[in-house]
Amino acid sequence: MKTLKINGIQHQLDVEDEMPLLWVLRDELGMTGTKFGCGIGQCGACTVQINGQAVRSCSFPVIAAVGADIKTIEGLSTDGKHPVQQAWLERSEERRVGKECRSRW
């Protein structure tokens, strides 16, 4: 069992040590704001903050996140008014990307 602090909330998870943090966020916790892009950490769609540093969650094992302060796009503000959240929504509509990306986190 692993404990992750994500957006200020503690989560207890029973996942494999090497599972990418991206899949823990999306599949285990239902946090879809962090996106899958290239799968090799190049595009940045999966970026989260870990202890204040930008990290590509698609290639970051969950075991390395235990004990860290993790922040996702959902955690930037509760009302969706953070500039990064606003930019994501605006750019998603401009590009007319898939339904998932147009949805609010």
Protein backbone atom coordinates (compact mmCIF):
# COMPACT_ATOMS: atom_id res chain seq x y z
CA MET A 1 0.00 0.00 0.00
CA LYS A 2 1.36 3.39 -1.00
CA THR A 3 0.33 6.81 0.27
CA LEU A 4 0.41 9.70 -2.18
CA LYS A 5 -0.33 13.32 -1.37
CA ILE A 6 -2.04 14.75 -4.44
CA ASN A 7 -3.40 18.29 -4.45
CA GLY A 8 -3.21 18.29 -0.66
CA ILE A 9 -5.20 15.08 -0.20
CA GLN A 10 -3.73 11.77 0.98
CA HIS A 11 -4.59 8.72 -1.14
CA GLN A 12 -3.93 5.10 -0.19
CA LEU A 13 -3.23 2.98 -3.27
CA ASP A 14 -2.43 -0.65 -3.88
CA VAL A 15 -0.51 -0.45 -7.17
CA GLU A 16 2.74 -1.81 -8.56
CA ASP A 17 5.87 0.18 -7.66
CA GLU A 18 6.85 0.78 -11.28
CA MET A 19 3.40 1.83 -12.49
CA PRO A 20 3.72 5.27 -14.12
CA LEU A 21 2.25 8.04 -12.00
CA LEU A 22 0.16 9.11 -15.00
CA TRP A 23 -1.85 5.88 -14.90
CA VAL A 24 -2.28 6.10 -11.14
CA LEU A 25 -3.74 9.60 -11.55
CA ARG A 26 -5.99 8.74 -14.48
CA ASP A 27 -6.98 5.11 -13.99
CA GLU A 28 -6.86 4.67 -10.22
CA LEU A 29 -8.01 8.14 -9.11
CA GLY A 30 -10.03 9.35 -12.11
CA MET A 31 -8.04 12.58 -12.45
CA THR A 32 -8.15 13.13 -16.20
CA GLY A 33 -6.57 16.59 -16.32
CA THR A 34 -3.15 15.02 -16.72
CA LYS A 35 -3.09 13.75 -20.30
CA PHE A 36 -1.38 10.93 -22.15
CA GLY A 37 0.50 12.27 -25.15
CA CYS A 38 3.62 10.65 -26.54
CA GLY A 39 4.31 8.17 -23.73
CA ILE A 40 8.04 8.98 -23.61
CA GLY A 41 8.04 12.28 -21.72
CA GLN A 42 8.71 14.49 -24.73
CA CYS A 43 5.41 16.30 -25.37
CA GLY A 44 4.63 17.49 -21.83
CA ALA A 45 0.92 16.58 -21.81
CA CYS A 46 1.49 14.46 -18.70
CA THR A 47 3.37 17.12 -16.70
CA VAL A 48 2.65 17.43 -12.99
CA GLN A 49 4.51 19.16 -10.17
CA ILE A 50 6.36 17.05 -7.66
CA ASN A 51 7.73 19.06 -4.77
CA GLY A 52 7.40 22.14 -6.98
CA GLN A 53 9.32 20.70 -9.93
CA ALA A 54 7.82 19.85 -13.32
CA VAL A 55 7.89 16.09 -13.91
CA ARG A 56 6.64 13.99 -16.82
CA SER A 57 4.29 11.56 -15.09
CA CYS A 58 4.17 9.07 -18.00
CA SER A 59 7.72 7.98 -17.21
CA PHE A 60 7.79 8.60 -13.44
CA PRO A 61 7.26 5.47 -11.31
CA VAL A 62 4.69 5.83 -8.56
CA ILE A 63 7.16 4.52 -5.96
CA ALA A 64 9.30 7.64 -6.53
CA ALA A 65 6.29 9.84 -5.69
CA VAL A 66 5.63 8.35 -2.26
CA GLY A 67 6.16 11.04 0.38
CA ALA A 68 6.22 13.85 -2.20
CA ASP A 69 3.83 16.76 -2.67
CA ILE A 70 2.14 16.15 -6.03
CA LYS A 71 0.12 18.83 -7.80
CA THR A 72 -1.94 18.25 -10.94
CA ILE A 73 -3.78 20.74 -13.13
CA GLU A 74 -6.91 20.04 -11.06
CA GLY A 75 -5.07 21.28 -7.97
CA LEU A 76 -3.97 24.63 -9.37
CA SER A 77 -7.28 26.21 -8.33
CA THR A 78 -10.65 24.91 -7.25
CA ASP A 79 -12.61 27.30 -9.45
CA GLY A 80 -10.74 26.64 -12.71
CA LYS A 81 -9.51 30.24 -12.93
CA HIS A 82 -5.77 29.56 -12.75
CA PRO A 83 -4.06 30.82 -15.95
CA VAL A 84 -2.80 27.32 -16.82
CA GLN A 85 -6.31 25.86 -16.48
CA GLN A 86 -7.76 28.67 -18.59
CA ALA A 87 -5.08 28.30 -21.28
CA TRP A 88 -5.67 24.55 -21.47
CA LEU A 89 -9.39 25.02 -21.97
CA GLU A 90 -8.91 27.73 -24.60
CA ARG A 91 -6.27 25.78 -26.55
CA SER A 92 -8.32 22.59 -26.39
CA GLU A 93 -11.24 24.32 -28.05
CA GLU A 94 -9.01 26.02 -30.63
CA ARG A 95 -7.54 22.71 -31.75
CA ARG A 96 -10.87 20.92 -31.63
CA VAL A 97 -9.24 17.97 -29.96
CA GLY A 98 -11.03 14.87 -28.72
CA LYS A 99 -13.94 14.94 -26.31
CA GLU A 100 -11.75 14.04 -23.33
CA CYS A 101 -9.49 17.07 -23.81
CA ARG A 102 -12.40 19.48 -24.17
CA SER A 103 -13.92 18.29 -20.93
CA ARG A 104 -13.12 20.11 -17.75
CA TRP A 105 -10.18 18.20 -16.27
